Amino acid sequence: MASDYPTPTFGNAGAASKDTRGWFFGHFMPGEDSPLRTEDVELKWFTHAKGETRSEWAPGNPVRTLNILIRGHFVLLFPDREVVLKEEGDFVLFGPDTPHSFRSEEESLVLTVRWPSIPPQ
């Protein structure tokens, strides 16, 4: 099976995402031929400051979302529960159209994976 990208692509997720609010892989990346541009999946590498919150509910997206804690203490809020991510590798997976919010109990680095990668409608 031939690869679409015959040479490895490498970089730094933080640097690659500085102009895209942490997102570094998905349909929104510039350059039609960029190996970071795809409609299959989106990746976000983002450090949330201690005390950072989103008080309003983010509208549900028609995608699946996986949040993985790299370091810190991060709480995902859903209408009927809170999910605490406190240990390295803790994760939460939620389905399409799930309203959510968050609060960062301490500085927290979170990797977010969403699929598919589709433009807002």
PDB file of N, CA and C in Angstrom:
ATOM      1  N   MET A   1       0.838  -1.172   0.000  1.00  0.00           N
ATOM      2  CA  MET A   1       0.000   0.000   0.000  1.00  0.00           C
ATOM      3  C   MET A   1       0.888   1.242   0.000  1.00  0.00           C
ATOM      4  N   ALA A   2       0.700   2.118  -0.952  1.00  0.00           N
ATOM      5  CA  ALA A   2       1.506   3.326  -1.062  1.00  0.00           C
ATOM      6  C   ALA A   2       0.989   4.397  -0.108  1.00  0.00           C
ATOM      7  N   SER A   3       1.907   5.128   0.462  1.00  0.00           N
ATOM      8  CA  SER A   3       1.558   6.212   1.380  1.00  0.00           C
ATOM      9  C   SER A   3       1.277   7.485   0.598  1.00  0.00           C
ATOM     10  N   ASP A   4       0.331   8.296   1.088  1.00  0.00           N
ATOM     11  CA  ASP A   4       0.087   9.606   0.488  1.00  0.00           C
ATOM     12  C   ASP A   4       1.268  10.538   0.739  1.00  0.00           C
ATOM     13  N   TYR A   5       2.018  10.266   1.803  1.00  0.00           N
ATOM     14  CA  TYR A   5       3.147  11.102   2.185  1.00  0.00           C
ATOM     15  C   TYR A   5       4.371  10.208   2.325  1.00  0.00           C
ATOM     16  N   PRO A   6       5.168  10.091   1.250  1.00  0.00           N
ATOM     17  CA  PRO A   6       6.277   9.140   1.244  1.00  0.00           C
ATOM     18  C   PRO A   6       7.396   9.487   2.224  1.00  0.00           C
ATOM     19  N   THR A   7       7.453  10.735   2.686  1.00  0.00           N
ATOM     20  CA  THR A   7       8.464  11.093   3.678  1.00  0.00           C
ATOM     21  C   THR A   7       7.763  11.460   4.982  1.00  0.00           C
ATOM     22  N   PRO A   8       8.393  11.198   6.103  1.00  0.00           N
ATOM     23  CA  PRO A   8       7.772  11.533   7.390  1.00  0.00           C
ATOM     24  C   PRO A   8       7.531  13.038   7.523  1.00  0.00           C
ATOM     25  N   THR A   9       6.450  13.380   8.176  1.00  0.00           N
ATOM     26  CA  THR A   9       6.148  14.768   8.518  1.00  0.00           C
ATOM     27  C   THR A   9       6.324  14.893  10.017  1.00  0.00           C
ATOM     28  N   PHE A  10       6.999  15.934  10.450  1.00  0.00           N
ATOM     29  CA  PHE A  10       7.245  16.075  11.884  1.00  0.00           C
ATOM     30  C   PHE A  10       7.179  17.544  12.259  1.00  0.00           C
ATOM     31  N   GLY A  11       7.088  17.807  13.533  1.00  0.00           N
ATOM     32  CA  GLY A  11       7.037  19.178  14.013  1.00  0.00           C
ATOM     33  C   GLY A  11       6.698  19.194  15.486  1.00  0.00           C
ATOM     34  N   ASN A  12       6.153  20.310  15.929  1.00  0.00           N
ATOM     35  CA  ASN A  12       5.766  20.490  17.314  1.00  0.00           C
ATOM     36  C   ASN A  12       4.307  20.908  17.347  1.00  0.00           C
ATOM     37  N   ALA A  13       3.480  20.159  18.074  1.00  0.00           N
ATOM     38  CA  ALA A  13       2.040  20.425  18.103  1.00  0.00           C
ATOM     39  C   ALA A  13       1.741  21.828  18.624  1.00  0.00           C
ATOM     40  N   GLY A  14       2.470  22.269  19.643  1.00  0.00           N
ATOM     41  CA  GLY A  14       2.245  23.609  20.182  1.00  0.00           C
ATOM     42  C   GLY A  14       2.547  24.692  19.161  1.00  0.00           C
ATOM     43  N   ALA A  15       3.671  24.558  18.476  1.00  0.00           N
ATOM     44  CA  ALA A  15       4.055  25.544  17.469  1.00  0.00           C
ATOM     45  C   ALA A  15       3.115  25.498  16.264  1.00  0.00           C
ATOM     46  N   ALA A  16       2.726  24.310  15.846  1.00  0.00           N
ATOM     47  CA  ALA A  16       1.860  24.162  14.674  1.00  0.00           C
ATOM     48  C   ALA A  16       0.461  24.700  14.922  1.00  0.00           C
ATOM     49  N   SER A  17       0.087  24.859  16.189  1.00  0.00           N
ATOM     50  CA  SER A  17      -1.287  25.251  16.509  1.00  0.00           C
ATOM     51  C   SER A  17      -1.410  26.659  17.078  1.00  0.00           C
ATOM     52  N   LYS A  18      -0.340  27.443  17.038  1.00  0.00           N
ATOM     53  CA  LYS A  18      -0.373  28.749  17.698  1.00  0.00           C
ATOM     54  C   LYS A  18      -1.392  29.705  17.086  1.00  0.00           C
ATOM     55  N   ASP A  19      -1.733  29.555  15.821  1.00  0.00           N
ATOM     56  CA  ASP A  19      -2.702  30.447  15.176  1.00  0.00           C
ATOM     57  C   ASP A  19      -4.082  29.816  15.029  1.00  0.00           C
ATOM     58  N   THR A  20      -4.273  28.624  15.586  1.00  0.00           N
ATOM     59  CA  THR A  20      -5.548  27.911  15.404  1.00  0.00           C
ATOM     60  C   THR A  20      -6.121  27.429  16.734  1.00  0.00           C
ATOM     61  N   ARG A  21      -5.871  28.185  17.821  1.00  0.00           N
ATOM     62  CA  ARG A  21      -6.417  27.881  19.152  1.00  0.00           C
ATOM     63  C   ARG A  21      -6.129  26.449  19.599  1.00  0.00           C
ATOM     64  N   GLY A  22      -4.969  25.945  19.230  1.00  0.00           N
ATOM     65  CA  GLY A  22      -4.568  24.612  19.667  1.00  0.00           C
ATOM     66  C   GLY A  22      -4.779  23.519  18.632  1.00  0.00           C
ATOM     67  N   TRP A  23      -5.607  23.772  17.642  1.00  0.00           N
ATOM     68  CA  TRP A  23      -5.876  22.753  16.623  1.00  0.00           C
ATOM     69  C   TRP A  23      -4.715  22.694  15.641  1.00  0.00           C
ATOM     70  N   PHE A  24      -4.210  21.492  15.380  1.00  0.00           N
ATOM     71  CA  PHE A  24      -3.066  21.372  14.471  1.00  0.00           C
ATOM     72  C   PHE A  24      -3.235  20.299  13.406  1.00  0.00           C
ATOM     73  N   PHE A  25      -4.391  19.689  13.321  1.00  0.00           N
ATOM     74  CA  PHE A  25      -4.611  18.619  12.351  1.00  0.00           C
ATOM     75  C   PHE A  25      -6.100  18.602  12.036  1.00  0.00           C
ATOM     76  N   GLY A  26      -6.478  18.740  10.764  1.00  0.00           N
ATOM     77  CA  GLY A  26      -7.889  18.698  10.401  1.00  0.00           C
ATOM     78  C   GLY A  26      -8.171  19.457   9.115  1.00  0.00           C
ATOM     79  N   HIS A  27      -9.445  19.577   8.779  1.00  0.00           N
ATOM     80  CA  HIS A  27      -9.867  20.195   7.519  1.00  0.00           C
ATOM     81  C   HIS A  27      -9.473  21.669   7.412  1.00  0.00           C
ATOM     82  N   PHE A  28      -9.243  22.329   8.533  1.00  0.00           N
ATOM     83  CA  PHE A  28      -9.018  23.772   8.605  1.00  0.00           C
ATOM     84  C   PHE A  28      -7.561  24.180   8.391  1.00  0.00           C
ATOM     85  N   MET A  29      -6.654  23.207   8.313  1.00  0.00           N
ATOM     86  CA  MET A  29      -5.238  23.552   8.161  1.00  0.00           C
ATOM     87  C   MET A  29      -4.983  24.088   6.753  1.00  0.00           C
ATOM     88  N   PRO A  30      -4.134  25.116   6.655  1.00  0.00           N
ATOM     89  CA  PRO A  30      -3.873  25.711   5.341  1.00  0.00           C
ATOM     90  C   PRO A  30      -3.060  24.783   4.440  1.00  0.00           C
ATOM     91  N   GLY A  31      -3.229  24.986   3.153  1.00  0.00           N
ATOM     92  CA  GLY A  31      -2.458  24.232   2.169  1.00  0.00           C
ATOM     93  C   GLY A  31      -3.156  22.955   1.747  1.00  0.00           C
ATOM     94  N   GLU A  32      -3.678  22.946   0.555  1.00  0.00           N
ATOM     95  CA  GLU A  32      -4.411  21.778   0.044  1.00  0.00           C
ATOM     96  C   GLU A  32      -3.586  20.495   0.095  1.00  0.00           C
ATOM     97  N   ASP A  33      -2.276  20.609  -0.066  1.00  0.00           N
ATOM     98  CA  ASP A  33      -1.406  19.431  -0.081  1.00  0.00           C
ATOM     99  C   ASP A  33      -0.758  19.146   1.267  1.00  0.00           C
ATOM    100  N   SER A  34      -1.142  19.887   2.295  1.00  0.00           N
ATOM    101  CA  SER A  34      -0.521  19.702   3.606  1.00  0.00           C
ATOM    102  C   SER A  34      -0.900  18.349   4.196  1.00  0.00           C
ATOM    103  N   PRO A  35       0.071  17.609   4.725  1.00  0.00           N
ATOM    104  CA  PRO A  35      -0.250  16.339   5.380  1.00  0.00           C
ATOM    105  C   PRO A  35      -1.030  16.548   6.685  1.00  0.00           C
ATOM    106  N   LEU A  36      -1.101  17.792   7.174  1.00  0.00           N
ATOM    107  CA  LEU A  36      -1.869  18.090   8.388  1.00  0.00           C
ATOM    108  C   LEU A  36      -3.328  18.414   8.078  1.00  0.00           C
ATOM    109  N   ARG A  37      -3.663  18.440   6.805  1.00  0.00           N
ATOM    110  CA  ARG A  37      -5.029  18.767   6.377  1.00  0.00           C
ATOM    111  C   ARG A  37      -5.762  17.473   6.028  1.00  0.00           C
ATOM    112  N   THR A  38      -6.887  17.222   6.712  1.00  0.00           N
ATOM    113  CA  THR A  38      -7.676  16.015   6.462  1.00  0.00           C
ATOM    114  C   THR A  38      -9.108  16.234   6.924  1.00  0.00           C
ATOM    115  N   GLU A  39     -10.022  15.507   6.356  1.00  0.00           N
ATOM    116  CA  GLU A  39     -11.415  15.539   6.809  1.00  0.00           C
ATOM    117  C   GLU A  39     -11.740  14.321   7.670  1.00  0.00           C
ATOM    118  N   ASP A  40     -10.730  13.514   7.980  1.00  0.00           N
ATOM    119  CA  ASP A  40     -10.946  12.300   8.767  1.00  0.00           C
ATOM    120  C   ASP A  40     -10.963  12.550  10.266  1.00  0.00           C
ATOM    121  N   VAL A  41     -10.067  13.428  10.736  1.00  0.00           N
ATOM    122  CA  VAL A  41      -9.896  13.604  12.182  1.00  0.00           C
ATOM    123  C   VAL A  41      -9.344  15.003  12.464  1.00  0.00           C
ATOM    124  N   GLU A  42      -9.605  15.516  13.675  1.00  0.00           N
ATOM    125  CA  GLU A  42      -9.028  16.776  14.138  1.00  0.00           C
ATOM    126  C   GLU A  42      -8.263  16.509  15.430  1.00  0.00           C
ATOM    127  N   LEU A  43      -7.127  17.191  15.597  1.00  0.00           N
ATOM    128  CA  LEU A  43      -6.333  17.062  16.817  1.00  0.00           C
ATOM    129  C   LEU A  43      -6.059  18.444  17.392  1.00  0.00           C
ATOM    130  N   LYS A  44      -6.201  18.537  18.710  1.00  0.00           N
ATOM    131  CA  LYS A  44      -5.927  19.793  19.419  1.00  0.00           C
ATOM    132  C   LYS A  44      -4.992  19.508  20.588  1.00  0.00           C
ATOM    133  N   TRP A  45      -3.951  20.309  20.722  1.00  0.00           N
ATOM    134  CA  TRP A  45      -2.973  20.228  21.804  1.00  0.00           C
ATOM    135  C   TRP A  45      -3.034  21.581  22.487  1.00  0.00           C
ATOM    136  N   PHE A  46      -3.602  21.631  23.696  1.00  0.00           N
ATOM    137  CA  PHE A  46      -3.863  22.944  24.289  1.00  0.00           C
ATOM    138  C   PHE A  46      -3.641  22.925  25.793  1.00  0.00           C
ATOM    139  N   THR A  47      -2.963  23.963  26.277  1.00  0.00           N
ATOM    140  CA  THR A  47      -2.764  24.137  27.708  1.00  0.00           C
ATOM    141  C   THR A  47      -3.787  25.138  28.228  1.00  0.00           C
ATOM    142  N   HIS A  48      -4.630  24.678  29.146  1.00  0.00           N
ATOM    143  CA  HIS A  48      -5.634  25.528  29.784  1.00  0.00           C
ATOM    144  C   HIS A  48      -5.044  26.069  31.081  1.00  0.00           C
ATOM    145  N   ALA A  49      -5.191  27.358  31.312  1.00  0.00           N
ATOM    146  CA  ALA A  49      -4.673  27.986  32.527  1.00  0.00           C
ATOM    147  C   ALA A  49      -5.481  27.557  33.747  1.00  0.00           C
ATOM    148  N   LYS A  50      -4.839  27.552  34.898  1.00  0.00           N
ATOM    149  CA  LYS A  50      -5.540  27.265  36.153  1.00  0.00           C
ATOM    150  C   LYS A  50      -6.681  28.270  36.304  1.00  0.00           C
ATOM    151  N   GLY A  51      -7.860  27.758  36.621  1.00  0.00           N
ATOM    152  CA  GLY A  51      -9.029  28.605  36.806  1.00  0.00           C
ATOM    153  C   GLY A  51      -9.795  28.921  35.537  1.00  0.00           C
ATOM    154  N   GLU A  52      -9.266  28.544  34.382  1.00  0.00           N
ATOM    155  CA  GLU A  52      -9.969  28.798  33.120  1.00  0.00           C
ATOM    156  C   GLU A  52     -11.260  27.991  33.095  1.00  0.00           C
ATOM    157  N   THR A  53     -12.324  28.623  32.660  1.00  0.00           N
ATOM    158  CA  THR A  53     -13.616  27.941  32.561  1.00  0.00           C
ATOM    159  C   THR A  53     -14.315  28.357  31.283  1.00  0.00           C
ATOM    160  N   ARG A  54     -15.239  27.549  30.882  1.00  0.00           N
ATOM    161  CA  ARG A  54     -16.198  27.938  29.848  1.00  0.00           C
ATOM    162  C   ARG A  54     -17.539  27.834  30.549  1.00  0.00           C
ATOM    163  N   SER A  55     -18.121  28.974  30.868  1.00  0.00           N
ATOM    164  CA  SER A  55     -19.351  28.959  31.653  1.00  0.00           C
ATOM    165  C   SER A  55     -20.574  28.601  30.813  1.00  0.00           C
ATOM    166  N   GLU A  56     -20.554  28.961  29.540  1.00  0.00           N
ATOM    167  CA  GLU A  56     -21.694  28.614  28.690  1.00  0.00           C
ATOM    168  C   GLU A  56     -21.490  27.215  28.110  1.00  0.00           C
ATOM    169  N   TRP A  57     -22.564  26.556  27.774  1.00  0.00           N
ATOM    170  CA  TRP A  57     -22.490  25.235  27.157  1.00  0.00           C
ATOM    171  C   TRP A  57     -22.040  25.384  25.722  1.00  0.00           C
ATOM    172  N   ALA A  58     -21.035  24.620  25.333  1.00  0.00           N
ATOM    173  CA  ALA A  58     -20.666  24.562  23.921  1.00  0.00           C
ATOM    174  C   ALA A  58     -21.757  23.763  23.223  1.00  0.00           C
ATOM    175  N   PRO A  59     -22.216  24.256  22.095  1.00  0.00           N
ATOM    176  CA  PRO A  59     -23.248  23.490  21.400  1.00  0.00           C
ATOM    177  C   PRO A  59     -22.693  22.143  20.970  1.00  0.00           C
ATOM    178  N   GLY A  60     -23.548  21.176  20.898  1.00  0.00           N
ATOM    179  CA  GLY A  60     -23.104  19.866  20.438  1.00  0.00           C
ATOM    180  C   GLY A  60     -22.660  19.932  18.992  1.00  0.00           C
ATOM    181  N   ASN A  61     -21.587  19.255  18.682  1.00  0.00           N
ATOM    182  CA  ASN A  61     -21.097  19.139  17.308  1.00  0.00           C
ATOM    183  C   ASN A  61     -21.494  17.775  16.768  1.00  0.00           C
ATOM    184  N   PRO A  62     -21.666  17.673  15.458  1.00  0.00           N
ATOM    185  CA  PRO A  62     -22.034  16.375  14.876  1.00  0.00           C
ATOM    186  C   PRO A  62     -20.832  15.446  14.726  1.00  0.00           C
ATOM    187  N   VAL A  63     -19.973  15.421  15.738  1.00  0.00           N
ATOM    188  CA  VAL A  63     -18.748  14.617  15.702  1.00  0.00           C
ATOM    189  C   VAL A  63     -18.575  13.897  17.027  1.00  0.00           C
ATOM    190  N   ARG A  64     -17.697  12.916  17.049  1.00  0.00           N
ATOM    191  CA  ARG A  64     -17.308  12.260  18.307  1.00  0.00           C
ATOM    192  C   ARG A  64     -16.083  12.994  18.845  1.00  0.00           C
ATOM    193  N   THR A  65     -15.970  13.050  20.166  1.00  0.00           N
ATOM    194  CA  THR A  65     -14.861  13.777  20.792  1.00  0.00           C
ATOM    195  C   THR A  65     -14.229  12.924  21.880  1.00  0.00           C
ATOM    196  N   LEU A  66     -12.906  12.900  21.882  1.00  0.00           N
ATOM    197  CA  LEU A  66     -12.128  12.220  22.908  1.00  0.00           C
ATOM    198  C   LEU A  66     -11.159  13.239  23.493  1.00  0.00           C
ATOM    199  N   ASN A  67     -11.238  13.482  24.806  1.00  0.00           N
ATOM    200  CA  ASN A  67     -10.295  14.352  25.507  1.00  0.00           C
ATOM    201  C   ASN A  67      -9.404  13.481  26.378  1.00  0.00           C
ATOM    202  N   ILE A  68      -8.086  13.653  26.251  1.00  0.00           N
ATOM    203  CA  ILE A  68      -7.115  12.885  27.029  1.00  0.00           C
ATOM    204  C   ILE A  68      -6.253  13.869  27.821  1.00  0.00           C
ATOM    205  N   LEU A  69      -6.187  13.666  29.130  1.00  0.00           N
ATOM    206  CA  LEU A  69      -5.366  14.528  29.973  1.00  0.00           C
ATOM    207  C   LEU A  69      -3.898  14.113  29.860  1.00  0.00           C
ATOM    208  N   ILE A  70      -3.048  15.054  29.491  1.00  0.00           N
ATOM    209  CA  ILE A  70      -1.609  14.817  29.453  1.00  0.00           C
ATOM    210  C   ILE A  70      -1.017  15.145  30.828  1.00  0.00           C
ATOM    211  N   ARG A  71      -1.420  16.301  31.368  1.00  0.00           N
ATOM    212  CA  ARG A  71      -1.029  16.670  32.738  1.00  0.00           C
ATOM    213  C   ARG A  71      -2.023  17.690  33.272  1.00  0.00           C
ATOM    214  N   GLY A  72      -2.146  17.755  34.581  1.00  0.00           N
ATOM    215  CA  GLY A  72      -3.005  18.751  35.205  1.00  0.00           C
ATOM    216  C   GLY A  72      -4.201  18.136  35.903  1.00  0.00           C
ATOM    217  N   HIS A  73      -5.267  18.927  36.004  1.00  0.00           N
ATOM    218  CA  HIS A  73      -6.523  18.526  36.655  1.00  0.00           C
ATOM    219  C   HIS A  73      -7.621  19.291  35.931  1.00  0.00           C
ATOM    220  N   PHE A  74      -8.413  18.581  35.144  1.00  0.00           N
ATOM    221  CA  PHE A  74      -9.368  19.180  34.211  1.00  0.00           C
ATOM    222  C   PHE A  74     -10.719  18.512  34.407  1.00  0.00           C
ATOM    223  N   VAL A  75     -11.781  19.305  34.388  1.00  0.00           N
ATOM    224  CA  VAL A  75     -13.125  18.772  34.610  1.00  0.00           C
ATOM    225  C   VAL A  75     -13.993  19.092  33.398  1.00  0.00           C
ATOM    226  N   LEU A  76     -14.573  18.051  32.803  1.00  0.00           N
ATOM    227  CA  LEU A  76     -15.534  18.214  31.717  1.00  0.00           C
ATOM    228  C   LEU A  76     -16.921  18.209  32.331  1.00  0.00           C
ATOM    229  N   LEU A  77     -17.729  19.178  31.948  1.00  0.00           N
ATOM    230  CA  LEU A  77     -19.073  19.330  32.494  1.00  0.00           C
ATOM    231  C   LEU A  77     -20.095  18.975  31.423  1.00  0.00           C
ATOM    232  N   PHE A  78     -21.031  18.137  31.790  1.00  0.00           N
ATOM    233  CA  PHE A  78     -22.128  17.738  30.928  1.00  0.00           C
ATOM    234  C   PHE A  78     -23.425  18.050  31.663  1.00  0.00           C
ATOM    235  N   PRO A  79     -24.545  18.136  30.968  1.00  0.00           N
ATOM    236  CA  PRO A  79     -25.791  18.496  31.648  1.00  0.00           C
ATOM    237  C   PRO A  79     -26.127  17.614  32.851  1.00  0.00           C
ATOM    238  N   ASP A  80     -25.740  16.345  32.822  1.00  0.00           N
ATOM    239  CA  ASP A  80     -26.142  15.435  33.903  1.00  0.00           C
ATOM    240  C   ASP A  80     -24.983  14.910  34.744  1.00  0.00           C
ATOM    241  N   ARG A  81     -23.744  15.397  34.502  1.00  0.00           N
ATOM    242  CA  ARG A  81     -22.608  14.897  35.292  1.00  0.00           C
ATOM    243  C   ARG A  81     -21.355  15.721  35.038  1.00  0.00           C
ATOM    244  N   GLU A  82     -20.381  15.517  35.920  1.00  0.00           N
ATOM    245  CA  GLU A  82     -19.038  16.056  35.751  1.00  0.00           C
ATOM    246  C   GLU A  82     -18.081  14.877  35.631  1.00  0.00           C
ATOM    247  N   VAL A  83     -17.111  15.004  34.738  1.00  0.00           N
ATOM    248  CA  VAL A  83     -16.087  13.974  34.593  1.00  0.00           C
ATOM    249  C   VAL A  83     -14.745  14.615  34.933  1.00  0.00           C
ATOM    250  N   VAL A  84     -14.085  14.079  35.948  1.00  0.00           N
ATOM    251  CA  VAL A  84     -12.816  14.620  36.424  1.00  0.00           C
ATOM    252  C   VAL A  84     -11.663  13.866  35.760  1.00  0.00           C
ATOM    253  N   LEU A  85     -10.775  14.622  35.124  1.00  0.00           N
ATOM    254  CA  LEU A  85      -9.545  14.075  34.555  1.00  0.00           C
ATOM    255  C   LEU A  85      -8.414  14.565  35.454  1.00  0.00           C
ATOM    256  N   LYS A  86      -7.816  13.650  36.205  1.00  0.00           N
ATOM    257  CA  LYS A  86      -6.825  14.050  37.208  1.00  0.00           C
ATOM    258  C   LYS A  86      -5.497  13.309  37.062  1.00  0.00           C
ATOM    259  N   GLU A  87      -5.542  12.093  36.552  1.00  0.00           N
ATOM    260  CA  GLU A  87      -4.327  11.291  36.375  1.00  0.00           C
ATOM    261  C   GLU A  87      -3.913  11.334  34.907  1.00  0.00           C
ATOM    262  N   GLU A  88      -2.600  11.319  34.660  1.00  0.00           N
ATOM    263  CA  GLU A  88      -2.110  11.241  33.286  1.00  0.00           C
ATOM    264  C   GLU A  88      -2.830  10.133  32.547  1.00  0.00           C
ATOM    265  N   GLY A  89      -3.360  10.457  31.372  1.00  0.00           N
ATOM    266  CA  GLY A  89      -4.024   9.441  30.567  1.00  0.00           C
ATOM    267  C   GLY A  89      -5.514   9.312  30.819  1.00  0.00           C
ATOM    268  N   ASP A  90      -6.058   9.959  31.858  1.00  0.00           N
ATOM    269  CA  ASP A  90      -7.514   9.938  32.050  1.00  0.00           C
ATOM    270  C   ASP A  90      -8.170  10.507  30.803  1.00  0.00           C
ATOM    271  N   PHE A  91      -9.311   9.954  30.431  1.00  0.00           N
ATOM    272  CA  PHE A  91      -9.980  10.428  29.218  1.00  0.00           C
ATOM    273  C   PHE A  91     -11.486  10.418  29.384  1.00  0.00           C
ATOM    274  N   VAL A  92     -12.138  11.151  28.496  1.00  0.00           N
ATOM    275  CA  VAL A  92     -13.590  11.120  28.377  1.00  0.00           C
ATOM    276  C   VAL A  92     -13.909  11.107  26.883  1.00  0.00           C
ATOM    277  N   LEU A  93     -14.847  10.266  26.510  1.00  0.00           N
ATOM    278  CA  LEU A  93     -15.305  10.131  25.132  1.00  0.00           C
ATOM    279  C   LEU A  93     -16.779  10.475  25.114  1.00  0.00           C
ATOM    280  N   PHE A  94     -17.182  11.355  24.204  1.00  0.00           N
ATOM    281  CA  PHE A  94     -18.609  11.651  24.093  1.00  0.00           C
ATOM    282  C   PHE A  94     -19.014  11.777  22.637  1.00  0.00           C
ATOM    283  N   GLY A  95     -20.276  11.506  22.420  1.00  0.00           N
ATOM    284  CA  GLY A  95     -20.797  11.384  21.076  1.00  0.00           C
ATOM    285  C   GLY A  95     -21.269  12.689  20.472  1.00  0.00           C
ATOM    286  N   PRO A  96     -21.757  12.589  19.258  1.00  0.00           N
ATOM    287  CA  PRO A  96     -22.239  13.757  18.538  1.00  0.00           C
ATOM    288  C   PRO A  96     -23.337  14.486  19.312  1.00  0.00           C
ATOM    289  N   ASP A  97     -23.361  15.798  19.125  1.00  0.00           N
ATOM    290  CA  ASP A  97     -24.422  16.664  19.653  1.00  0.00           C
ATOM    291  C   ASP A  97     -24.530  16.649  21.172  1.00  0.00           C
ATOM    292  N   THR A  98     -23.406  16.440  21.866  1.00  0.00           N
ATOM    293  CA  THR A  98     -23.396  16.442  23.329  1.00  0.00           C
ATOM    294  C   THR A  98     -22.959  17.817  23.833  1.00  0.00           C
ATOM    295  N   PRO A  99     -23.859  18.570  24.483  1.00  0.00           N
ATOM    296  CA  PRO A  99     -23.446  19.854  25.045  1.00  0.00           C
ATOM    297  C   PRO A  99     -22.435  19.626  26.167  1.00  0.00           C
ATOM    298  N   HIS A 100     -21.455  20.516  26.249  1.00  0.00           N
ATOM    299  CA  HIS A 100     -20.416  20.355  27.267  1.00  0.00           C
ATOM    300  C   HIS A 100     -19.775  21.697  27.589  1.00  0.00           C
ATOM    301  N   SER A 101     -19.106  21.721  28.707  1.00  0.00           N
ATOM    302  CA  SER A 101     -18.343  22.864  29.159  1.00  0.00           C
ATOM    303  C   SER A 101     -17.145  22.317  29.930  1.00  0.00           C
ATOM    304  N   PHE A 102     -16.339  23.200  30.540  1.00  0.00           N
ATOM    305  CA  PHE A 102     -15.182  22.698  31.288  1.00  0.00           C
ATOM    306  C   PHE A 102     -14.739  23.710  32.329  1.00  0.00           C
ATOM    307  N   ARG A 103     -13.906  23.219  33.230  1.00  0.00           N
ATOM    308  CA  ARG A 103     -13.129  24.089  34.114  1.00  0.00           C
ATOM    309  C   ARG A 103     -11.774  23.421  34.342  1.00  0.00           C
ATOM    310  N   SER A 104     -10.763  24.252  34.443  1.00  0.00           N
ATOM    311  CA  SER A 104      -9.402  23.770  34.645  1.00  0.00           C
ATOM    312  C   SER A 104      -9.014  24.051  36.092  1.00  0.00           C
ATOM    313  N   GLU A 105      -8.916  22.998  36.892  1.00  0.00           N
ATOM    314  CA  GLU A 105      -8.612  23.137  38.320  1.00  0.00           C
ATOM    315  C   GLU A 105      -7.159  23.542  38.553  1.00  0.00           C
ATOM    316  N   GLU A 106      -6.287  23.153  37.628  1.00  0.00           N
ATOM    317  CA  GLU A 106      -4.896  23.601  37.634  1.00  0.00           C
ATOM    318  C   GLU A 106      -4.466  23.654  36.181  1.00  0.00           C
ATOM    319  N   GLU A 107      -3.302  24.232  35.908  1.00  0.00           N
ATOM    320  CA  GLU A 107      -2.858  24.273  34.520  1.00  0.00           C
ATOM    321  C   GLU A 107      -2.917  22.858  33.957  1.00  0.00           C
ATOM    322  N   SER A 108      -3.584  22.709  32.817  1.00  0.00           N
ATOM    323  CA  SER A 108      -3.849  21.369  32.277  1.00  0.00           C
ATOM    324  C   SER A 108      -3.569  21.321  30.783  1.00  0.00           C
ATOM    325  N   LEU A 109      -2.800  20.327  30.388  1.00  0.00           N
ATOM    326  CA  LEU A 109      -2.551  20.065  28.977  1.00  0.00           C
ATOM    327  C   LEU A 109      -3.473  18.936  28.553  1.00  0.00           C
ATOM    328  N   VAL A 110      -4.307  19.214  27.540  1.00  0.00           N
ATOM    329  CA  VAL A 110      -5.311  18.255  27.085  1.00  0.00           C
ATOM    330  C   VAL A 110      -5.138  18.029  25.585  1.00  0.00           C
ATOM    331  N   LEU A 111      -5.135  16.769  25.188  1.00  0.00           N
ATOM    332  CA  LEU A 111      -5.164  16.400  23.775  1.00  0.00           C
ATOM    333  C   LEU A 111      -6.606  16.076  23.432  1.00  0.00           C
ATOM    334  N   THR A 112      -7.148  16.779  22.435  1.00  0.00           N
ATOM    335  CA  THR A 112      -8.520  16.544  21.987  1.00  0.00           C
ATOM    336  C   THR A 112      -8.485  15.931  20.598  1.00  0.00           C
ATOM    337  N   VAL A 113      -9.259  14.872  20.419  1.00  0.00           N
ATOM    338  CA  VAL A 113      -9.400  14.204  19.128  1.00  0.00           C
ATOM    339  C   VAL A 113     -10.876  14.270  18.762  1.00  0.00           C
ATOM    340  N   ARG A 114     -11.182  14.785  17.575  1.00  0.00           N
ATOM    341  CA  ARG A 114     -12.571  14.805  17.094  1.00  0.00           C
ATOM    342  C   ARG A 114     -12.611  14.178  15.707  1.00  0.00           C
ATOM    343  N   TRP A 115     -13.673  13.451  15.454  1.00  0.00           N
ATOM    344  CA  TRP A 115     -13.837  12.868  14.125  1.00  0.00           C
ATOM    345  C   TRP A 115     -15.296  12.754  13.761  1.00  0.00           C
ATOM    346  N   PRO A 116     -15.606  12.903  12.485  1.00  0.00           N
ATOM    347  CA  PRO A 116     -14.732  13.354  11.401  1.00  0.00           C
ATOM    348  C   PRO A 116     -14.435  14.847  11.544  1.00  0.00           C
ATOM    349  N   SER A 117     -13.581  15.352  10.689  1.00  0.00           N
ATOM    350  CA  SER A 117     -13.246  16.775  10.673  1.00  0.00           C
ATOM    351  C   SER A 117     -14.111  17.437   9.612  1.00  0.00           C
ATOM    352  N   ILE A 118     -15.114  18.165  10.068  1.00  0.00           N
ATOM    353  CA  ILE A 118     -16.037  18.793   9.116  1.00  0.00           C
ATOM    354  C   ILE A 118     -16.163  20.283   9.417  1.00  0.00           C
ATOM    355  N   PRO A 119     -16.264  21.100   8.366  1.00  0.00           N
ATOM    356  CA  PRO A 119     -16.436  22.538   8.576  1.00  0.00           C
ATOM    357  C   PRO A 119     -17.755  22.820   9.294  1.00  0.00           C
ATOM    358  N   PRO A 120     -17.801  23.915  10.083  1.00  0.00           N
ATOM    359  CA  PRO A 120     -19.065  24.279  10.742  1.00  0.00           C
ATOM    360  C   PRO A 120     -20.164  24.469   9.713  1.00  0.00           C
ATOM    361  N   GLN A 121     -21.361  24.098  10.078  1.00  0.00           N
ATOM    362  CA  GLN A 121     -22.487  24.189   9.135  1.00  0.00           C
ATOM    363  C   GLN A 121     -23.319  25.418   9.407  1.00  0.00           C
TER     364      GLN A 121
END
